[in-house]
Amino acid sequence: MLISEALEGKYVKSSKGHGIIQFADKRNDIYIESENVFAYACKVRPQWNGTGYQKPDFYTTVYVKVDGE
């Protein structure tokens, strides 16, 4: 399974809000000094409690550390 596929459907909290990851795409434009750490741009659908206005989708960057081979 690809990491991007594993991220889809997961709950994420960021400074922009919180919600469920709809789509994840690897970001090669970000340099990370640590080994086995990758950045993913994620489209997030905010959770809506049914009151007020539903917030629009937003993008956030998620860092993933991979252990093992």
PDB file of N, CA and C in Angstrom:
ATOM      1  N   MET A   1       0.848  -1.179   0.000  1.00  0.00           N
ATOM      2  CA  MET A   1       0.000   0.000   0.000  1.00  0.00           C
ATOM      3  C   MET A   1       0.892   1.240   0.000  1.00  0.00           C
ATOM      4  N   LEU A   2       0.551   2.211  -0.801  1.00  0.00           N
ATOM      5  CA  LEU A   2       1.274   3.468  -0.848  1.00  0.00           C
ATOM      6  C   LEU A   2       0.930   4.328   0.364  1.00  0.00           C
ATOM      7  N   ILE A   3       1.876   5.172   0.761  1.00  0.00           N
ATOM      8  CA  ILE A   3       1.635   6.046   1.914  1.00  0.00           C
ATOM      9  C   ILE A   3       0.466   6.981   1.631  1.00  0.00           C
ATOM     10  N   SER A   4       0.398   7.512   0.393  1.00  0.00           N
ATOM     11  CA  SER A   4      -0.700   8.424   0.056  1.00  0.00           C
ATOM     12  C   SER A   4      -2.054   7.739   0.200  1.00  0.00           C
ATOM     13  N   GLU A   5      -2.132   6.453  -0.167  1.00  0.00           N
ATOM     14  CA  GLU A   5      -3.380   5.712  -0.012  1.00  0.00           C
ATOM     15  C   GLU A   5      -3.685   5.462   1.459  1.00  0.00           C
ATOM     16  N   ALA A   6      -2.648   5.233   2.263  1.00  0.00           N
ATOM     17  CA  ALA A   6      -2.847   4.974   3.692  1.00  0.00           C
ATOM     18  C   ALA A   6      -3.330   6.232   4.420  1.00  0.00           C
ATOM     19  N   LEU A   7      -2.951   7.420   3.934  1.00  0.00           N
ATOM     20  CA  LEU A   7      -3.373   8.666   4.576  1.00  0.00           C
ATOM     21  C   LEU A   7      -4.843   8.990   4.323  1.00  0.00           C
ATOM     22  N   GLU A   8      -5.358   8.575   3.178  1.00  0.00           N
ATOM     23  CA  GLU A   8      -6.738   8.907   2.827  1.00  0.00           C
ATOM     24  C   GLU A   8      -7.714   8.295   3.831  1.00  0.00           C
ATOM     25  N   GLY A   9      -8.647   9.107   4.289  1.00  0.00           N
ATOM     26  CA  GLY A   9      -9.645   8.649   5.252  1.00  0.00           C
ATOM     27  C   GLY A   9      -9.223   8.830   6.702  1.00  0.00           C
ATOM     28  N   LYS A  10      -7.987   9.272   6.928  1.00  0.00           N
ATOM     29  CA  LYS A  10      -7.515   9.481   8.301  1.00  0.00           C
ATOM     30  C   LYS A  10      -7.898  10.871   8.791  1.00  0.00           C
ATOM     31  N   TYR A  11      -8.068  10.986  10.096  1.00  0.00           N
ATOM     32  CA  TYR A  11      -8.394  12.253  10.746  1.00  0.00           C
ATOM     33  C   TYR A  11      -7.105  13.037  10.965  1.00  0.00           C
ATOM     34  N   VAL A  12      -7.130  14.328  10.671  1.00  0.00           N
ATOM     35  CA  VAL A  12      -5.951  15.167  10.861  1.00  0.00           C
ATOM     36  C   VAL A  12      -6.353  16.479  11.522  1.00  0.00           C
ATOM     37  N   LYS A  13      -5.480  16.985  12.396  1.00  0.00           N
ATOM     38  CA  LYS A  13      -5.665  18.277  13.050  1.00  0.00           C
ATOM     39  C   LYS A  13      -4.496  19.152  12.657  1.00  0.00           C
ATOM     40  N   SER A  14      -4.777  20.380  12.234  1.00  0.00           N
ATOM     41  CA  SER A  14      -3.711  21.313  11.896  1.00  0.00           C
ATOM     42  C   SER A  14      -4.100  22.706  12.365  1.00  0.00           C
ATOM     43  N   SER A  15      -3.224  23.663  12.134  1.00  0.00           N
ATOM     44  CA  SER A  15      -3.525  25.036  12.519  1.00  0.00           C
ATOM     45  C   SER A  15      -4.664  25.619  11.686  1.00  0.00           C
ATOM     46  N   LYS A  16      -4.932  25.032  10.531  1.00  0.00           N
ATOM     47  CA  LYS A  16      -6.015  25.500   9.650  1.00  0.00           C
ATOM     48  C   LYS A  16      -7.371  24.914  10.029  1.00  0.00           C
ATOM     49  N   GLY A  17      -7.373  23.838  10.777  1.00  0.00           N
ATOM     50  CA  GLY A  17      -8.622  23.186  11.161  1.00  0.00           C
ATOM     51  C   GLY A  17      -8.412  21.696  11.348  1.00  0.00           C
ATOM     52  N   HIS A  18      -9.500  20.953  11.350  1.00  0.00           N
ATOM     53  CA  HIS A  18      -9.411  19.506  11.496  1.00  0.00           C
ATOM     54  C   HIS A  18     -10.469  18.855  10.624  1.00  0.00           C
ATOM     55  N   GLY A  19     -10.185  17.618  10.211  1.00  0.00           N
ATOM     56  CA  GLY A  19     -11.126  16.897   9.371  1.00  0.00           C
ATOM     57  C   GLY A  19     -10.512  15.620   8.824  1.00  0.00           C
ATOM     58  N   ILE A  20     -11.110  15.102   7.761  1.00  0.00           N
ATOM     59  CA  ILE A  20     -10.721  13.835   7.163  1.00  0.00           C
ATOM     60  C   ILE A  20      -9.948  14.093   5.871  1.00  0.00           C
ATOM     61  N   ILE A  21      -8.817  13.397   5.697  1.00  0.00           N
ATOM     62  CA  ILE A  21      -8.015  13.549   4.488  1.00  0.00           C
ATOM     63  C   ILE A  21      -8.748  12.909   3.315  1.00  0.00           C
ATOM     64  N   GLN A  22      -8.977  13.695   2.266  1.00  0.00           N
ATOM     65  CA  GLN A  22      -9.651  13.217   1.069  1.00  0.00           C
ATOM     66  C   GLN A  22      -8.658  12.745   0.014  1.00  0.00           C
ATOM     67  N   PHE A  23      -7.497  13.406  -0.048  1.00  0.00           N
ATOM     68  CA  PHE A  23      -6.507  13.133  -1.073  1.00  0.00           C
ATOM     69  C   PHE A  23      -5.135  13.516  -0.541  1.00  0.00           C
ATOM     70  N   ALA A  24      -4.118  12.727  -0.851  1.00  0.00           N
ATOM     71  CA  ALA A  24      -2.750  13.036  -0.435  1.00  0.00           C
ATOM     72  C   ALA A  24      -1.812  12.852  -1.621  1.00  0.00           C
ATOM     73  N   ASP A  25      -0.871  13.783  -1.754  1.00  0.00           N
ATOM     74  CA  ASP A  25       0.087  13.741  -2.857  1.00  0.00           C
ATOM     75  C   ASP A  25       1.464  14.084  -2.301  1.00  0.00           C
ATOM     76  N   LYS A  26       2.475  13.299  -2.661  1.00  0.00           N
ATOM     77  CA  LYS A  26       3.820  13.516  -2.144  1.00  0.00           C
ATOM     78  C   LYS A  26       4.380  14.840  -2.646  1.00  0.00           C
ATOM     79  N   ARG A  27       5.023  15.585  -1.740  1.00  0.00           N
ATOM     80  CA  ARG A  27       5.640  16.867  -2.083  1.00  0.00           C
ATOM     81  C   ARG A  27       7.148  16.672  -2.164  1.00  0.00           C
ATOM     82  N   ASN A  28       7.682  16.802  -3.362  1.00  0.00           N
ATOM     83  CA  ASN A  28       9.123  16.670  -3.554  1.00  0.00           C
ATOM     84  C   ASN A  28       9.832  18.011  -3.448  1.00  0.00           C
ATOM     85  N   ASP A  29       9.079  19.110  -3.352  1.00  0.00           N
ATOM     86  CA  ASP A  29       9.669  20.442  -3.306  1.00  0.00           C
ATOM     87  C   ASP A  29      10.103  20.860  -1.898  1.00  0.00           C
ATOM     88  N   ILE A  30       9.852  20.019  -0.908  1.00  0.00           N
ATOM     89  CA  ILE A  30      10.233  20.327   0.468  1.00  0.00           C
ATOM     90  C   ILE A  30      11.447  19.484   0.840  1.00  0.00           C
ATOM     91  N   TYR A  31      12.510  20.159   1.277  1.00  0.00           N
ATOM     92  CA  TYR A  31      13.721  19.455   1.696  1.00  0.00           C
ATOM     93  C   TYR A  31      13.631  19.150   3.192  1.00  0.00           C
ATOM     94  N   ILE A  32      13.825  17.884   3.534  1.00  0.00           N
ATOM     95  CA  ILE A  32      13.774  17.442   4.922  1.00  0.00           C
ATOM     96  C   ILE A  32      15.111  16.789   5.249  1.00  0.00           C
ATOM     97  N   GLU A  33      15.753  17.248   6.318  1.00  0.00           N
ATOM     98  CA  GLU A  33      17.090  16.754   6.655  1.00  0.00           C
ATOM     99  C   GLU A  33      17.070  15.340   7.232  1.00  0.00           C
ATOM    100  N   SER A  34      15.996  14.937   7.860  1.00  0.00           N
ATOM    101  CA  SER A  34      15.913  13.618   8.480  1.00  0.00           C
ATOM    102  C   SER A  34      15.731  12.528   7.422  1.00  0.00           C
ATOM    103  N   GLU A  35      16.239  11.352   7.748  1.00  0.00           N
ATOM    104  CA  GLU A  35      16.067  10.216   6.845  1.00  0.00           C
ATOM    105  C   GLU A  35      14.676   9.603   7.037  1.00  0.00           C
ATOM    106  N   ASN A  36      14.137   9.070   5.975  1.00  0.00           N
ATOM    107  CA  ASN A  36      12.851   8.366   5.986  1.00  0.00           C
ATOM    108  C   ASN A  36      11.690   9.230   6.442  1.00  0.00           C
ATOM    109  N   VAL A  37      11.755  10.546   6.218  1.00  0.00           N
ATOM    110  CA  VAL A  37      10.648  11.453   6.502  1.00  0.00           C
ATOM    111  C   VAL A  37      10.204  12.063   5.184  1.00  0.00           C
ATOM    112  N   PHE A  38       8.913  12.003   4.911  1.00  0.00           N
ATOM    113  CA  PHE A  38       8.368  12.484   3.645  1.00  0.00           C
ATOM    114  C   PHE A  38       7.233  13.466   3.914  1.00  0.00           C
ATOM    115  N   ALA A  39       7.082  14.441   3.021  1.00  0.00           N
ATOM    116  CA  ALA A  39       6.021  15.443   3.142  1.00  0.00           C
ATOM    117  C   ALA A  39       4.922  15.128   2.135  1.00  0.00           C
ATOM    118  N   TYR A  40       3.664  15.285   2.574  1.00  0.00           N
ATOM    119  CA  TYR A  40       2.513  15.045   1.706  1.00  0.00           C
ATOM    120  C   TYR A  40       1.564  16.230   1.789  1.00  0.00           C
ATOM    121  N   ALA A  41       1.144  16.718   0.628  1.00  0.00           N
ATOM    122  CA  ALA A  41       0.106  17.747   0.564  1.00  0.00           C
ATOM    123  C   ALA A  41      -1.230  17.023   0.634  1.00  0.00           C
ATOM    124  N   CYS A  42      -2.063  17.399   1.579  1.00  0.00           N
ATOM    125  CA  CYS A  42      -3.331  16.703   1.799  1.00  0.00           C
ATOM    126  C   CYS A  42      -4.504  17.659   1.671  1.00  0.00           C
ATOM    127  N   LYS A  43      -5.522  17.220   0.940  1.00  0.00           N
ATOM    128  CA  LYS A  43      -6.776  17.956   0.872  1.00  0.00           C
ATOM    129  C   LYS A  43      -7.651  17.417   1.998  1.00  0.00           C
ATOM    130  N   VAL A  44      -8.118  18.333   2.860  1.00  0.00           N
ATOM    131  CA  VAL A  44      -8.858  17.930   4.062  1.00  0.00           C
ATOM    132  C   VAL A  44     -10.286  18.462   3.993  1.00  0.00           C
ATOM    133  N   ARG A  45     -11.249  17.587   4.256  1.00  0.00           N
ATOM    134  CA  ARG A  45     -12.651  17.989   4.358  1.00  0.00           C
ATOM    135  C   ARG A  45     -12.985  18.151   5.825  1.00  0.00           C
ATOM    136  N   PRO A  46     -13.283  19.395   6.253  1.00  0.00           N
ATOM    137  CA  PRO A  46     -13.588  19.636   7.675  1.00  0.00           C
ATOM    138  C   PRO A  46     -14.830  18.875   8.123  1.00  0.00           C
ATOM    139  N   GLN A  47     -14.820  18.459   9.366  1.00  0.00           N
ATOM    140  CA  GLN A  47     -16.004  17.813   9.919  1.00  0.00           C
ATOM    141  C   GLN A  47     -17.045  18.878  10.232  1.00  0.00           C
ATOM    142  N   TRP A  48     -18.286  18.551   9.948  1.00  0.00           N
ATOM    143  CA  TRP A  48     -19.380  19.495  10.110  1.00  0.00           C
ATOM    144  C   TRP A  48     -20.383  18.914  11.075  1.00  0.00           C
ATOM    145  N   ASN A  49     -20.765  19.692  12.094  1.00  0.00           N
ATOM    146  CA  ASN A  49     -21.689  19.179  13.110  1.00  0.00           C
ATOM    147  C   ASN A  49     -23.156  19.417  12.752  1.00  0.00           C
ATOM    148  N   GLY A  50     -23.421  19.980  11.555  1.00  0.00           N
ATOM    149  CA  GLY A  50     -24.790  20.173  11.111  1.00  0.00           C
ATOM    150  C   GLY A  50     -25.382  21.524  11.464  1.00  0.00           C
ATOM    151  N   THR A  51     -24.656  22.344  12.205  1.00  0.00           N
ATOM    152  CA  THR A  51     -25.153  23.676  12.530  1.00  0.00           C
ATOM    153  C   THR A  51     -24.277  24.718  11.849  1.00  0.00           C
ATOM    154  N   GLY A  52     -24.853  25.852  11.526  1.00  0.00           N
ATOM    155  CA  GLY A  52     -24.096  26.910  10.878  1.00  0.00           C
ATOM    156  C   GLY A  52     -23.763  26.554   9.436  1.00  0.00           C
ATOM    157  N   TYR A  53     -22.713  27.162   8.939  1.00  0.00           N
ATOM    158  CA  TYR A  53     -22.288  26.912   7.563  1.00  0.00           C
ATOM    159  C   TYR A  53     -21.175  25.881   7.529  1.00  0.00           C
ATOM    160  N   GLN A  54     -21.200  25.046   6.507  1.00  0.00           N
ATOM    161  CA  GLN A  54     -20.141  24.068   6.334  1.00  0.00           C
ATOM    162  C   GLN A  54     -18.895  24.776   5.805  1.00  0.00           C
ATOM    163  N   LYS A  55     -17.740  24.507   6.394  1.00  0.00           N
ATOM    164  CA  LYS A  55     -16.497  25.135   5.979  1.00  0.00           C
ATOM    165  C   LYS A  55     -15.973  24.479   4.704  1.00  0.00           C
ATOM    166  N   PRO A  56     -15.261  25.234   3.859  1.00  0.00           N
ATOM    167  CA  PRO A  56     -14.720  24.660   2.628  1.00  0.00           C
ATOM    168  C   PRO A  56     -13.519  23.758   2.913  1.00  0.00           C
ATOM    169  N   ASP A  57     -13.206  22.883   1.950  1.00  0.00           N
ATOM    170  CA  ASP A  57     -12.026  22.039   2.056  1.00  0.00           C
ATOM    171  C   ASP A  57     -10.783  22.916   2.107  1.00  0.00           C
ATOM    172  N   PHE A  58      -9.731  22.407   2.734  1.00  0.00           N
ATOM    173  CA  PHE A  58      -8.471  23.145   2.785  1.00  0.00           C
ATOM    174  C   PHE A  58      -7.310  22.172   2.587  1.00  0.00           C
ATOM    175  N   TYR A  59      -6.137  22.728   2.314  1.00  0.00           N
ATOM    176  CA  TYR A  59      -4.934  21.926   2.119  1.00  0.00           C
ATOM    177  C   TYR A  59      -3.980  22.141   3.282  1.00  0.00           C
ATOM    178  N   THR A  60      -3.289  21.075   3.659  1.00  0.00           N
ATOM    179  CA  THR A  60      -2.280  21.151   4.698  1.00  0.00           C
ATOM    180  C   THR A  60      -1.164  20.166   4.354  1.00  0.00           C
ATOM    181  N   THR A  61       0.000  20.369   4.938  1.00  0.00           N
ATOM    182  CA  THR A  61       1.122  19.463   4.715  1.00  0.00           C
ATOM    183  C   THR A  61       1.271  18.547   5.913  1.00  0.00           C
ATOM    184  N   VAL A  62       1.409  17.247   5.638  1.00  0.00           N
ATOM    185  CA  VAL A  62       1.568  16.240   6.678  1.00  0.00           C
ATOM    186  C   VAL A  62       2.926  15.592   6.466  1.00  0.00           C
ATOM    187  N   TYR A  63       3.694  15.446   7.564  1.00  0.00           N
ATOM    188  CA  TYR A  63       4.994  14.788   7.499  1.00  0.00           C
ATOM    189  C   TYR A  63       4.856  13.372   8.022  1.00  0.00           C
ATOM    190  N   VAL A  64       5.436  12.422   7.285  1.00  0.00           N
ATOM    191  CA  VAL A  64       5.319  11.007   7.637  1.00  0.00           C
ATOM    192  C   VAL A  64       6.710  10.425   7.795  1.00  0.00           C
ATOM    193  N   LYS A  65       6.963   9.795   8.933  1.00  0.00           N
ATOM    194  CA  LYS A  65       8.246   9.094   9.150  1.00  0.00           C
ATOM    195  C   LYS A  65       8.002   7.616   8.949  1.00  0.00           C
ATOM    196  N   VAL A  66       8.861   6.994   8.135  1.00  0.00           N
ATOM    197  CA  VAL A  66       8.732   5.582   7.813  1.00  0.00           C
ATOM    198  C   VAL A  66       9.853   4.823   8.499  1.00  0.00           C
ATOM    199  N   ASP A  67       9.519   3.824   9.301  1.00  0.00           N
ATOM    200  CA  ASP A  67      10.511   2.986   9.962  1.00  0.00           C
ATOM    201  C   ASP A  67      10.733   1.718   9.139  1.00  0.00           C
ATOM    202  N   GLY A  68      11.889   1.128   9.263  1.00  0.00           N
ATOM    203  CA  GLY A  68      12.184  -0.127   8.580  1.00  0.00           C
ATOM    204  C   GLY A  68      12.768   0.093   7.202  1.00  0.00           C
ATOM    205  N   GLU A  69      12.668  -0.939   6.386  1.00  0.00           N
ATOM    206  CA  GLU A  69      13.280  -0.932   5.056  1.00  0.00           C
ATOM    207  C   GLU A  69      12.442  -0.213   4.047  1.00  0.00           C
TER     208      GLU A  69
END
